[in-house]
């Protein structure tokens, strides 16, 4: 007898497991054992799926943030060309600063989880 290959799970089963992990979390840390008993999926498999899910979410957020920053920088550049009045630029610069600060806080949270 050879080595048993791991079972291939459907996308729906993966999604359901990720949803259960999100619902069964304490302090941002999923209860892998509880979800494993409920779904009959091994803890290591659930952990792999969870890590991939977190990385995908981080990448999505990073892409959205990059788009927002690019848009804001273009607006700052346009306003700077149109006027020399710094008061008009202040709200746009403040918005960019708040986005960058929020992104920094989000990164600290995800780094502390991993």
PDB file of N, CA and C in Angstrom:
ATOM      1  N   UNK A   1       0.834  -1.175   0.000  1.00  0.00           N
ATOM      2  CA  UNK A   1       0.000   0.000   0.000  1.00  0.00           C
ATOM      3  C   UNK A   1       0.886   1.248   0.000  1.00  0.00           C
ATOM      4  N   UNK A   2       0.555   2.158  -0.887  1.00  0.00           N
ATOM      5  CA  UNK A   2       1.298   3.414  -0.984  1.00  0.00           C
ATOM      6  C   UNK A   2       0.743   4.470  -0.049  1.00  0.00           C
ATOM      7  N   UNK A   3       1.367   5.602  -0.138  1.00  0.00           N
ATOM      8  CA  UNK A   3       0.949   6.735   0.686  1.00  0.00           C
ATOM      9  C   UNK A   3      -0.407   7.253   0.199  1.00  0.00           C
ATOM     10  N   UNK A   4      -1.278   7.577   1.138  1.00  0.00           N
ATOM     11  CA  UNK A   4      -2.607   8.079   0.799  1.00  0.00           C
ATOM     12  C   UNK A   4      -2.514   9.565   0.426  1.00  0.00           C
ATOM     13  N   UNK A   5      -3.108   9.905  -0.715  1.00  0.00           N
ATOM     14  CA  UNK A   5      -3.116  11.293  -1.142  1.00  0.00           C
ATOM     15  C   UNK A   5      -4.199  12.057  -0.394  1.00  0.00           C
ATOM     16  N   UNK A   6      -3.941  13.340  -0.119  1.00  0.00           N
ATOM     17  CA  UNK A   6      -4.958  14.126   0.583  1.00  0.00           C
ATOM     18  C   UNK A   6      -6.203  14.307  -0.282  1.00  0.00           C
ATOM     19  N   UNK A   7      -7.321  14.441   0.396  1.00  0.00           N
ATOM     20  CA  UNK A   7      -8.589  14.626  -0.299  1.00  0.00           C
ATOM     21  C   UNK A   7      -8.633  16.015  -0.937  1.00  0.00           C
ATOM     22  N   UNK A   8      -9.163  16.081  -2.154  1.00  0.00           N
ATOM     23  CA  UNK A   8      -9.354  17.374  -2.814  1.00  0.00           C
ATOM     24  C   UNK A   8     -10.719  17.919  -2.406  1.00  0.00           C
ATOM     25  N   UNK A   9     -10.734  19.144  -1.904  1.00  0.00           N
ATOM     26  CA  UNK A   9     -11.973  19.747  -1.431  1.00  0.00           C
ATOM     27  C   UNK A   9     -12.526  20.707  -2.478  1.00  0.00           C
ATOM     28  N   UNK A  10     -13.838  20.795  -2.523  1.00  0.00           N
ATOM     29  CA  UNK A  10     -14.484  21.706  -3.467  1.00  0.00           C
ATOM     30  C   UNK A  10     -14.286  23.152  -3.013  1.00  0.00           C
ATOM     31  N   UNK A  11     -14.456  24.059  -3.949  1.00  0.00           N
ATOM     32  CA  UNK A  11     -14.338  25.482  -3.633  1.00  0.00           C
ATOM     33  C   UNK A  11     -15.403  25.884  -2.616  1.00  0.00           C
ATOM     34  N   UNK A  12     -16.602  25.327  -2.766  1.00  0.00           N
ATOM     35  CA  UNK A  12     -17.673  25.641  -1.808  1.00  0.00           C
ATOM     36  C   UNK A  12     -17.315  25.192  -0.397  1.00  0.00           C
ATOM     37  N   UNK A  13     -16.693  24.027  -0.288  1.00  0.00           N
ATOM     38  CA  UNK A  13     -16.309  23.522   1.033  1.00  0.00           C
ATOM     39  C   UNK A  13     -15.221  24.417   1.643  1.00  0.00           C
ATOM     40  N   UNK A  14     -14.297  24.884   0.798  1.00  0.00           N
ATOM     41  CA  UNK A  14     -13.258  25.797   1.277  1.00  0.00           C
ATOM     42  C   UNK A  14     -13.873  27.104   1.766  1.00  0.00           C
ATOM     43  N   UNK A  15     -14.781  27.663   0.957  1.00  0.00           N
ATOM     44  CA  UNK A  15     -15.429  28.923   1.342  1.00  0.00           C
ATOM     45  C   UNK A  15     -16.171  28.770   2.661  1.00  0.00           C
ATOM     46  N   UNK A  16     -16.881  27.681   2.801  1.00  0.00           N
ATOM     47  CA  UNK A  16     -17.641  27.444   4.033  1.00  0.00           C
ATOM     48  C   UNK A  16     -16.689  27.342   5.226  1.00  0.00           C
ATOM     49  N   UNK A  17     -15.580  26.650   5.036  1.00  0.00           N
ATOM     50  CA  UNK A  17     -14.603  26.509   6.119  1.00  0.00           C
ATOM     51  C   UNK A  17     -14.019  27.871   6.505  1.00  0.00           C
ATOM     52  N   UNK A  18     -13.689  28.705   5.516  1.00  0.00           N
ATOM     53  CA  UNK A  18     -13.155  30.042   5.797  1.00  0.00           C
ATOM     54  C   UNK A  18     -14.197  30.875   6.542  1.00  0.00           C
ATOM     55  N   UNK A  19     -15.454  30.784   6.110  1.00  0.00           N
ATOM     56  CA  UNK A  19     -16.529  31.513   6.800  1.00  0.00           C
ATOM     57  C   UNK A  19     -16.646  31.058   8.254  1.00  0.00           C
ATOM     58  N   UNK A  20     -16.558  29.749   8.471  1.00  0.00           N
ATOM     59  CA  UNK A  20     -16.624  29.228   9.840  1.00  0.00           C
ATOM     60  C   UNK A  20     -15.429  29.701  10.665  1.00  0.00           C
ATOM     61  N   UNK A  21     -14.255  29.749  10.049  1.00  0.00           N
ATOM     62  CA  UNK A  21     -13.070  30.231  10.756  1.00  0.00           C
ATOM     63  C   UNK A  21     -13.246  31.698  11.156  1.00  0.00           C
ATOM     64  N   UNK A  22     -13.841  32.492  10.270  1.00  0.00           N
ATOM     65  CA  UNK A  22     -14.068  33.905  10.594  1.00  0.00           C
ATOM     66  C   UNK A  22     -15.087  34.045  11.722  1.00  0.00           C
ATOM     67  N   UNK A  23     -16.124  33.226  11.698  1.00  0.00           N
ATOM     68  CA  UNK A  23     -17.167  33.293  12.731  1.00  0.00           C
ATOM     69  C   UNK A  23     -16.671  32.757  14.073  1.00  0.00           C
ATOM     70  N   UNK A  24     -15.783  31.784  14.031  1.00  0.00           N
ATOM     71  CA  UNK A  24     -15.286  31.137  15.249  1.00  0.00           C
ATOM     72  C   UNK A  24     -13.881  31.625  15.579  1.00  0.00           C
ATOM     73  N   UNK A  25     -13.746  32.931  15.724  1.00  0.00           N
ATOM     74  CA  UNK A  25     -12.459  33.531  16.054  1.00  0.00           C
ATOM     75  C   UNK A  25     -12.553  34.247  17.388  1.00  0.00           C
ATOM     76  N   UNK A  26     -11.465  34.196  18.124  1.00  0.00           N
ATOM     77  CA  UNK A  26     -11.362  34.930  19.382  1.00  0.00           C
ATOM     78  C   UNK A  26     -10.112  35.789  19.290  1.00  0.00           C
ATOM     79  N   UNK A  27     -10.297  37.095  19.365  1.00  0.00           N
ATOM     80  CA  UNK A  27      -9.159  38.007  19.272  1.00  0.00           C
ATOM     81  C   UNK A  27      -8.457  37.927  17.932  1.00  0.00           C
ATOM     82  N   UNK A  28      -9.186  37.625  16.873  1.00  0.00           N
ATOM     83  CA  UNK A  28      -8.601  37.534  15.538  1.00  0.00           C
ATOM     84  C   UNK A  28      -7.968  36.198  15.227  1.00  0.00           C
ATOM     85  N   UNK A  29      -7.935  35.303  16.199  1.00  0.00           N
ATOM     86  CA  UNK A  29      -7.337  33.981  15.981  1.00  0.00           C
ATOM     87  C   UNK A  29      -8.448  32.938  15.881  1.00  0.00           C
ATOM     88  N   UNK A  30      -8.529  32.267  14.738  1.00  0.00           N
ATOM     89  CA  UNK A  30      -9.589  31.267  14.538  1.00  0.00           C
ATOM     90  C   UNK A  30      -9.419  30.048  15.437  1.00  0.00           C
ATOM     91  N   UNK A  31     -10.537  29.436  15.752  1.00  0.00           N
ATOM     92  CA  UNK A  31     -10.535  28.184  16.513  1.00  0.00           C
ATOM     93  C   UNK A  31     -10.478  27.033  15.505  1.00  0.00           C
ATOM     94  N   UNK A  32      -9.269  26.689  15.108  1.00  0.00           N
ATOM     95  CA  UNK A  32      -9.065  25.683  14.070  1.00  0.00           C
ATOM     96  C   UNK A  32      -9.612  24.315  14.473  1.00  0.00           C
ATOM     97  N   UNK A  33      -9.393  23.921  15.711  1.00  0.00           N
ATOM     98  CA  UNK A  33      -9.830  22.596  16.162  1.00  0.00           C
ATOM     99  C   UNK A  33     -11.345  22.477  16.119  1.00  0.00           C
ATOM    100  N   UNK A  34     -12.028  23.501  16.579  1.00  0.00           N
ATOM    101  CA  UNK A  34     -13.491  23.485  16.571  1.00  0.00           C
ATOM    102  C   UNK A  34     -14.021  23.361  15.141  1.00  0.00           C
ATOM    103  N   UNK A  35     -13.478  24.152  14.234  1.00  0.00           N
ATOM    104  CA  UNK A  35     -13.922  24.114  12.837  1.00  0.00           C
ATOM    105  C   UNK A  35     -13.545  22.780  12.203  1.00  0.00           C
ATOM    106  N   UNK A  36     -12.408  22.232  12.591  1.00  0.00           N
ATOM    107  CA  UNK A  36     -11.985  20.932  12.072  1.00  0.00           C
ATOM    108  C   UNK A  36     -12.979  19.840  12.455  1.00  0.00           C
ATOM    109  N   UNK A  37     -13.415  19.845  13.703  1.00  0.00           N
ATOM    110  CA  UNK A  37     -14.404  18.850  14.149  1.00  0.00           C
ATOM    111  C   UNK A  37     -15.718  19.004  13.399  1.00  0.00           C
ATOM    112  N   UNK A  38     -16.081  20.255  13.158  1.00  0.00           N
ATOM    113  CA  UNK A  38     -17.355  20.534  12.494  1.00  0.00           C
ATOM    114  C   UNK A  38     -17.327  20.170  11.006  1.00  0.00           C
ATOM    115  N   UNK A  39     -16.194  20.421  10.355  1.00  0.00           N
ATOM    116  CA  UNK A  39     -16.115  20.227   8.900  1.00  0.00           C
ATOM    117  C   UNK A  39     -15.448  18.917   8.488  1.00  0.00           C
ATOM    118  N   UNK A  40     -14.766  18.275   9.427  1.00  0.00           N
ATOM    119  CA  UNK A  40     -13.992  17.056   9.144  1.00  0.00           C
ATOM    120  C   UNK A  40     -12.801  17.334   8.215  1.00  0.00           C
ATOM    121  N   UNK A  41     -12.308  18.563   8.265  1.00  0.00           N
ATOM    122  CA  UNK A  41     -11.119  18.962   7.508  1.00  0.00           C
ATOM    123  C   UNK A  41      -9.984  19.102   8.517  1.00  0.00           C
ATOM    124  N   UNK A  42      -8.802  18.614   8.178  1.00  0.00           N
ATOM    125  CA  UNK A  42      -7.690  18.625   9.129  1.00  0.00           C
ATOM    126  C   UNK A  42      -7.279  20.050   9.502  1.00  0.00           C
ATOM    127  N   UNK A  43      -6.744  20.181  10.705  1.00  0.00           N
ATOM    128  CA  UNK A  43      -6.291  21.480  11.201  1.00  0.00           C
ATOM    129  C   UNK A  43      -5.194  22.066  10.303  1.00  0.00           C
ATOM    130  N   UNK A  44      -4.174  21.279   9.895  1.00  0.00           N
ATOM    131  CA  UNK A  44      -3.154  21.857   9.009  1.00  0.00           C
ATOM    132  C   UNK A  44      -3.734  22.401   7.696  1.00  0.00           C
ATOM    133  N   UNK A  45      -4.718  21.700   7.143  1.00  0.00           N
ATOM    134  CA  UNK A  45      -5.355  22.174   5.908  1.00  0.00           C
ATOM    135  C   UNK A  45      -6.092  23.482   6.165  1.00  0.00           C
ATOM    136  N   UNK A  46      -6.833  23.551   7.265  1.00  0.00           N
ATOM    137  CA  UNK A  46      -7.542  24.785   7.612  1.00  0.00           C
ATOM    138  C   UNK A  46      -6.564  25.941   7.812  1.00  0.00           C
ATOM    139  N   UNK A  47      -5.433  25.660   8.447  1.00  0.00           N
ATOM    140  CA  UNK A  47      -4.431  26.708   8.667  1.00  0.00           C
ATOM    141  C   UNK A  47      -3.867  27.213   7.345  1.00  0.00           C
ATOM    142  N   UNK A  48      -3.598  26.296   6.416  1.00  0.00           N
ATOM    143  CA  UNK A  48      -3.103  26.706   5.090  1.00  0.00           C
ATOM    144  C   UNK A  48      -4.122  27.592   4.384  1.00  0.00           C
ATOM    145  N   UNK A  49      -5.386  27.168   4.417  1.00  0.00           N
ATOM    146  CA  UNK A  49      -6.442  27.949   3.767  1.00  0.00           C
ATOM    147  C   UNK A  49      -6.578  29.322   4.415  1.00  0.00           C
ATOM    148  N   UNK A  50      -6.479  29.358   5.743  1.00  0.00           N
ATOM    149  CA  UNK A  50      -6.621  30.618   6.466  1.00  0.00           C
ATOM    150  C   UNK A  50      -5.494  31.584   6.102  1.00  0.00           C
ATOM    151  N   UNK A  51      -4.275  31.077   6.059  1.00  0.00           N
ATOM    152  CA  UNK A  51      -3.131  31.923   5.709  1.00  0.00           C
ATOM    153  C   UNK A  51      -3.287  32.462   4.291  1.00  0.00           C
ATOM    154  N   UNK A  52      -3.687  31.609   3.362  1.00  0.00           N
ATOM    155  CA  UNK A  52      -3.904  32.050   1.978  1.00  0.00           C
ATOM    156  C   UNK A  52      -4.999  33.110   1.929  1.00  0.00           C
ATOM    157  N   UNK A  53      -6.068  32.889   2.669  1.00  0.00           N
ATOM    158  CA  UNK A  53      -7.171  33.857   2.719  1.00  0.00           C
ATOM    159  C   UNK A  53      -6.670  35.214   3.231  1.00  0.00           C
ATOM    160  N   UNK A  54      -5.874  35.191   4.296  1.00  0.00           N
ATOM    161  CA  UNK A  54      -5.339  36.431   4.858  1.00  0.00           C
ATOM    162  C   UNK A  54      -4.421  37.141   3.865  1.00  0.00           C
ATOM    163  N   UNK A  55      -3.572  36.387   3.184  1.00  0.00           N
ATOM    164  CA  UNK A  55      -2.671  36.979   2.192  1.00  0.00           C
ATOM    165  C   UNK A  55      -3.453  37.589   1.037  1.00  0.00           C
ATOM    166  N   UNK A  56      -4.497  36.905   0.589  1.00  0.00           N
ATOM    167  CA  UNK A  56      -5.340  37.434  -0.491  1.00  0.00           C
ATOM    168  C   UNK A  56      -6.012  38.736  -0.066  1.00  0.00           C
ATOM    169  N   UNK A  57      -6.507  38.765   1.164  1.00  0.00           N
ATOM    170  CA  UNK A  57      -7.152  39.983   1.676  1.00  0.00           C
ATOM    171  C   UNK A  57      -6.155  41.134   1.764  1.00  0.00           C
ATOM    172  N   UNK A  58      -4.943  40.835   2.218  1.00  0.00           N
ATOM    173  CA  UNK A  58      -3.917  41.872   2.312  1.00  0.00           C
ATOM    174  C   UNK A  58      -3.592  42.423   0.929  1.00  0.00           C
ATOM    175  N   UNK A  59      -3.484  41.542  -0.048  1.00  0.00           N
ATOM    176  CA  UNK A  59      -3.164  41.972  -1.406  1.00  0.00           C
ATOM    177  C   UNK A  59      -4.278  42.848  -1.971  1.00  0.00           C
ATOM    178  N   UNK A  60      -5.527  42.472  -1.715  1.00  0.00           N
ATOM    179  CA  UNK A  60      -6.672  43.286  -2.153  1.00  0.00           C
ATOM    180  C   UNK A  60      -6.608  44.679  -1.537  1.00  0.00           C
ATOM    181  N   UNK A  61      -6.368  44.726  -0.239  1.00  0.00           N
ATOM    182  CA  UNK A  61      -6.300  46.016   0.453  1.00  0.00           C
ATOM    183  C   UNK A  61      -5.144  46.853  -0.072  1.00  0.00           C
ATOM    184  N   UNK A  62      -4.017  46.216  -0.312  1.00  0.00           N
ATOM    185  CA  UNK A  62      -2.847  46.927  -0.823  1.00  0.00           C
ATOM    186  C   UNK A  62      -3.153  47.522  -2.192  1.00  0.00           C
ATOM    187  N   UNK A  63      -3.808  46.754  -3.053  1.00  0.00           N
ATOM    188  CA  UNK A  63      -4.156  47.245  -4.389  1.00  0.00           C
ATOM    189  C   UNK A  63      -5.107  48.435  -4.311  1.00  0.00           C
ATOM    190  N   UNK A  64      -6.126  48.321  -3.452  1.00  0.00           N
ATOM    191  CA  UNK A  64      -7.079  49.425  -3.297  1.00  0.00           C
ATOM    192  C   UNK A  64      -6.386  50.674  -2.761  1.00  0.00           C
ATOM    193  N   UNK A  65      -5.492  50.480  -1.804  1.00  0.00           N
ATOM    194  CA  UNK A  65      -4.781  51.612  -1.233  1.00  0.00           C
ATOM    195  C   UNK A  65      -3.885  52.271  -2.275  1.00  0.00           C
ATOM    196  N   UNK A  66      -3.194  51.458  -3.069  1.00  0.00           N
ATOM    197  CA  UNK A  66      -2.332  52.011  -4.112  1.00  0.00           C
ATOM    198  C   UNK A  66      -3.147  52.820  -5.116  1.00  0.00           C
ATOM    199  N   UNK A  67      -4.327  52.319  -5.484  1.00  0.00           N
ATOM    200  CA  UNK A  67      -5.206  53.057  -6.398  1.00  0.00           C
ATOM    201  C   UNK A  67      -5.635  54.383  -5.781  1.00  0.00           C
ATOM    202  N   UNK A  68      -6.012  54.347  -4.513  1.00  0.00           N
ATOM    203  CA  UNK A  68      -6.457  55.568  -3.835  1.00  0.00           C
ATOM    204  C   UNK A  68      -5.325  56.585  -3.736  1.00  0.00           C
ATOM    205  N   UNK A  69      -4.139  56.130  -3.382  1.00  0.00           N
ATOM    206  CA  UNK A  69      -2.996  57.033  -3.255  1.00  0.00           C
ATOM    207  C   UNK A  69      -2.660  57.647  -4.607  1.00  0.00           C
ATOM    208  N   UNK A  70      -2.672  56.842  -5.660  1.00  0.00           N
ATOM    209  CA  UNK A  70      -2.388  57.346  -7.002  1.00  0.00           C
ATOM    210  C   UNK A  70      -3.392  58.424  -7.392  1.00  0.00           C
ATOM    211  N   UNK A  71      -4.660  58.160  -7.118  1.00  0.00           N
ATOM    212  CA  UNK A  71      -5.713  59.128  -7.428  1.00  0.00           C
ATOM    213  C   UNK A  71      -5.514  60.427  -6.650  1.00  0.00           C
ATOM    214  N   UNK A  72      -5.203  60.310  -5.376  1.00  0.00           N
ATOM    215  CA  UNK A  72      -5.002  61.495  -4.540  1.00  0.00           C
ATOM    216  C   UNK A  72      -3.779  62.280  -5.004  1.00  0.00           C
ATOM    217  N   UNK A  73      -2.698  61.575  -5.329  1.00  0.00           N
ATOM    218  CA  UNK A  73      -1.493  62.264  -5.796  1.00  0.00           C
ATOM    219  C   UNK A  73      -1.753  63.005  -7.105  1.00  0.00           C
ATOM    220  N   UNK A  74      -2.539  62.401  -7.995  1.00  0.00           N
ATOM    221  CA  UNK A  74      -2.889  63.078  -9.252  1.00  0.00           C
ATOM    222  C   UNK A  74      -3.697  64.338  -8.966  1.00  0.00           C
ATOM    223  N   UNK A  75      -4.602  64.241  -8.010  1.00  0.00           N
ATOM    224  CA  UNK A  75      -5.416  65.407  -7.652  1.00  0.00           C
ATOM    225  C   UNK A  75      -4.547  66.500  -7.035  1.00  0.00           C
ATOM    226  N   UNK A  76      -3.619  66.118  -6.180  1.00  0.00           N
ATOM    227  CA  UNK A  76      -2.705  67.099  -5.584  1.00  0.00           C
ATOM    228  C   UNK A  76      -1.905  67.793  -6.678  1.00  0.00           C
ATOM    229  N   UNK A  77      -1.394  67.004  -7.607  1.00  0.00           N
ATOM    230  CA  UNK A  77      -0.601  67.565  -8.702  1.00  0.00           C
ATOM    231  C   UNK A  77      -1.448  68.538  -9.541  1.00  0.00           C
ATOM    232  N   UNK A  78      -2.677  68.151  -9.844  1.00  0.00           N
ATOM    233  CA  UNK A  78      -3.579  69.000 -10.633  1.00  0.00           C
ATOM    234  C   UNK A  78      -3.877  70.302  -9.892  1.00  0.00           C
ATOM    235  N   UNK A  79      -4.189  70.187  -8.608  1.00  0.00           N
ATOM    236  CA  UNK A  79      -4.473  71.387  -7.819  1.00  0.00           C
ATOM    237  C   UNK A  79      -3.247  72.287  -7.712  1.00  0.00           C
ATOM    238  N   UNK A  80      -2.082  71.679  -7.576  1.00  0.00           N
ATOM    239  CA  UNK A  80      -0.852  72.460  -7.469  1.00  0.00           C
ATOM    240  C   UNK A  80      -0.592  73.237  -8.756  1.00  0.00           C
ATOM    241  N   UNK A  81      -0.927  72.641  -9.893  1.00  0.00           N
ATOM    242  CA  UNK A  81      -0.735  73.326 -11.171  1.00  0.00           C
ATOM    243  C   UNK A  81      -1.749  74.451 -11.356  1.00  0.00           C
ATOM    244  N   UNK A  82      -2.958  74.251 -10.821  1.00  0.00           N
ATOM    245  CA  UNK A  82      -4.024  75.231 -11.003  1.00  0.00           C
ATOM    246  C   UNK A  82      -3.911  76.424 -10.059  1.00  0.00           C
ATOM    247  N   UNK A  83      -3.313  76.223  -8.929  1.00  0.00           N
ATOM    248  CA  UNK A  83      -3.306  77.290  -7.931  1.00  0.00           C
ATOM    249  C   UNK A  83      -2.036  77.251  -7.099  1.00  0.00           C
ATOM    250  N   UNK A  84      -1.724  78.386  -6.546  1.00  0.00           N
ATOM    251  CA  UNK A  84      -0.604  78.456  -5.608  1.00  0.00           C
ATOM    252  C   UNK A  84      -1.112  78.551  -4.177  1.00  0.00           C
ATOM    253  N   UNK A  85      -2.415  78.413  -3.990  1.00  0.00           N
ATOM    254  CA  UNK A  85      -3.030  78.543  -2.673  1.00  0.00           C
ATOM    255  C   UNK A  85      -2.933  77.212  -1.929  1.00  0.00           C
ATOM    256  N   UNK A  86      -2.097  77.150  -0.928  1.00  0.00           N
ATOM    257  CA  UNK A  86      -1.884  75.913  -0.175  1.00  0.00           C
ATOM    258  C   UNK A  86      -3.109  75.492   0.623  1.00  0.00           C
ATOM    259  N   UNK A  87      -3.992  76.428   0.950  1.00  0.00           N
ATOM    260  CA  UNK A  87      -5.203  76.082   1.699  1.00  0.00           C
ATOM    261  C   UNK A  87      -6.075  75.113   0.911  1.00  0.00           C
ATOM    262  N   UNK A  88      -6.048  75.221  -0.404  1.00  0.00           N
ATOM    263  CA  UNK A  88      -6.843  74.320  -1.235  1.00  0.00           C
ATOM    264  C   UNK A  88      -6.238  72.913  -1.276  1.00  0.00           C
ATOM    265  N   UNK A  89      -4.943  72.828  -1.087  1.00  0.00           N
ATOM    266  CA  UNK A  89      -4.275  71.524  -1.101  1.00  0.00           C
ATOM    267  C   UNK A  89      -4.370  70.804   0.240  1.00  0.00           C
ATOM    268  N   UNK A  90      -4.572  71.544   1.304  1.00  0.00           N
ATOM    269  CA  UNK A  90      -4.554  70.962   2.651  1.00  0.00           C
ATOM    270  C   UNK A  90      -5.525  69.795   2.834  1.00  0.00           C
ATOM    271  N   UNK A  91      -6.810  69.889   2.403  1.00  0.00           N
ATOM    272  CA  UNK A  91      -7.715  68.752   2.617  1.00  0.00           C
ATOM    273  C   UNK A  91      -7.274  67.487   1.882  1.00  0.00           C
ATOM    274  N   UNK A  92      -6.702  67.660   0.700  1.00  0.00           N
ATOM    275  CA  UNK A  92      -6.265  66.505  -0.082  1.00  0.00           C
ATOM    276  C   UNK A  92      -5.052  65.853   0.578  1.00  0.00           C
ATOM    277  N   UNK A  93      -4.131  66.662   1.042  1.00  0.00           N
ATOM    278  CA  UNK A  93      -2.946  66.134   1.724  1.00  0.00           C
ATOM    279  C   UNK A  93      -3.356  65.449   3.024  1.00  0.00           C
ATOM    280  N   UNK A  94      -4.323  66.031   3.725  1.00  0.00           N
ATOM    281  CA  UNK A  94      -4.813  65.424   4.967  1.00  0.00           C
ATOM    282  C   UNK A  94      -5.432  64.053   4.685  1.00  0.00           C
ATOM    283  N   UNK A  95      -6.214  63.958   3.598  1.00  0.00           N
ATOM    284  CA  UNK A  95      -6.842  62.690   3.230  1.00  0.00           C
ATOM    285  C   UNK A  95      -5.771  61.624   2.948  1.00  0.00           C
ATOM    286  N   UNK A  96      -4.737  62.011   2.228  1.00  0.00           N
ATOM    287  CA  UNK A  96      -3.655  61.076   1.926  1.00  0.00           C
ATOM    288  C   UNK A  96      -2.950  60.644   3.208  1.00  0.00           C
ATOM    289  N   UNK A  97      -2.707  61.583   4.085  1.00  0.00           N
ATOM    290  CA  UNK A  97      -2.051  61.274   5.356  1.00  0.00           C
ATOM    291  C   UNK A  97      -2.870  60.287   6.185  1.00  0.00           C
ATOM    292  N   UNK A  98      -4.201  60.500   6.225  1.00  0.00           N
ATOM    293  CA  UNK A  98      -5.072  59.595   6.981  1.00  0.00           C
ATOM    294  C   UNK A  98      -5.079  58.195   6.381  1.00  0.00           C
ATOM    295  N   UNK A  99      -5.092  58.113   5.050  1.00  0.00           N
ATOM    296  CA  UNK A  99      -5.048  56.798   4.397  1.00  0.00           C
ATOM    297  C   UNK A  99      -3.756  56.064   4.725  1.00  0.00           C
ATOM    298  N   UNK A 100      -2.647  56.786   4.650  1.00  0.00           N
ATOM    299  CA  UNK A 100      -1.357  56.159   4.948  1.00  0.00           C
ATOM    300  C   UNK A 100      -1.283  55.719   6.405  1.00  0.00           C
ATOM    301  N   UNK A 101      -1.824  56.534   7.302  1.00  0.00           N
ATOM    302  CA  UNK A 101      -1.831  56.175   8.720  1.00  0.00           C
ATOM    303  C   UNK A 101      -2.680  54.928   8.949  1.00  0.00           C
ATOM    304  N   UNK A 102      -3.857  54.875   8.313  1.00  0.00           N
ATOM    305  CA  UNK A 102      -4.733  53.711   8.457  1.00  0.00           C
ATOM    306  C   UNK A 102      -4.056  52.463   7.906  1.00  0.00           C
ATOM    307  N   UNK A 103      -3.397  52.588   6.778  1.00  0.00           N
ATOM    308  CA  UNK A 103      -2.708  51.447   6.187  1.00  0.00           C
ATOM    309  C   UNK A 103      -1.607  50.953   7.117  1.00  0.00           C
ATOM    310  N   UNK A 104      -0.891  51.878   7.739  1.00  0.00           N
ATOM    311  CA  UNK A 104       0.156  51.499   8.682  1.00  0.00           C
ATOM    312  C   UNK A 104      -0.406  50.740   9.869  1.00  0.00           C
ATOM    313  N   UNK A 105      -1.556  51.187  10.386  1.00  0.00           N
ATOM    314  CA  UNK A 105      -2.194  50.498  11.511  1.00  0.00           C
ATOM    315  C   UNK A 105      -2.675  49.116  11.100  1.00  0.00           C
ATOM    316  N   UNK A 106      -3.246  48.987   9.900  1.00  0.00           N
ATOM    317  CA  UNK A 106      -3.710  47.687   9.412  1.00  0.00           C
ATOM    318  C   UNK A 106      -2.546  46.721   9.266  1.00  0.00           C
ATOM    319  N   UNK A 107      -1.410  47.208   8.776  1.00  0.00           N
ATOM    320  CA  UNK A 107      -0.239  46.345   8.625  1.00  0.00           C
ATOM    321  C   UNK A 107       0.279  45.880   9.974  1.00  0.00           C
ATOM    322  N   UNK A 108       0.241  46.757  10.977  1.00  0.00           N
ATOM    323  CA  UNK A 108       0.683  46.361  12.313  1.00  0.00           C
ATOM    324  C   UNK A 108      -0.195  45.250  12.860  1.00  0.00           C
ATOM    325  N   UNK A 109      -1.505  45.326  12.616  1.00  0.00           N
ATOM    326  CA  UNK A 109      -2.423  44.297  13.098  1.00  0.00           C
ATOM    327  C   UNK A 109      -2.147  42.960  12.429  1.00  0.00           C
ATOM    328  N   UNK A 110      -1.950  42.972  11.113  1.00  0.00           N
ATOM    329  CA  UNK A 110      -1.735  41.705  10.412  1.00  0.00           C
ATOM    330  C   UNK A 110      -0.374  41.126  10.751  1.00  0.00           C
ATOM    331  N   UNK A 111       0.620  41.993  10.976  1.00  0.00           N
ATOM    332  CA  UNK A 111       1.936  41.486  11.344  1.00  0.00           C
ATOM    333  C   UNK A 111       1.908  40.864  12.733  1.00  0.00           C
ATOM    334  N   UNK A 112       1.109  41.410  13.630  1.00  0.00           N
ATOM    335  CA  UNK A 112       1.044  40.840  14.975  1.00  0.00           C
ATOM    336  C   UNK A 112       0.317  39.504  14.966  1.00  0.00           C
ATOM    337  N   UNK A 113      -0.609  39.285  13.992  1.00  0.00           N
ATOM    338  CA  UNK A 113      -1.316  38.002  13.902  1.00  0.00           C
ATOM    339  C   UNK A 113      -0.366  36.905  13.470  1.00  0.00           C
ATOM    340  N   UNK A 114       0.452  37.194  12.454  1.00  0.00           N
ATOM    341  CA  UNK A 114       1.306  36.168  11.855  1.00  0.00           C
ATOM    342  C   UNK A 114       2.440  35.836  12.744  1.00  0.00           C
TER     343      UNK A 114
END
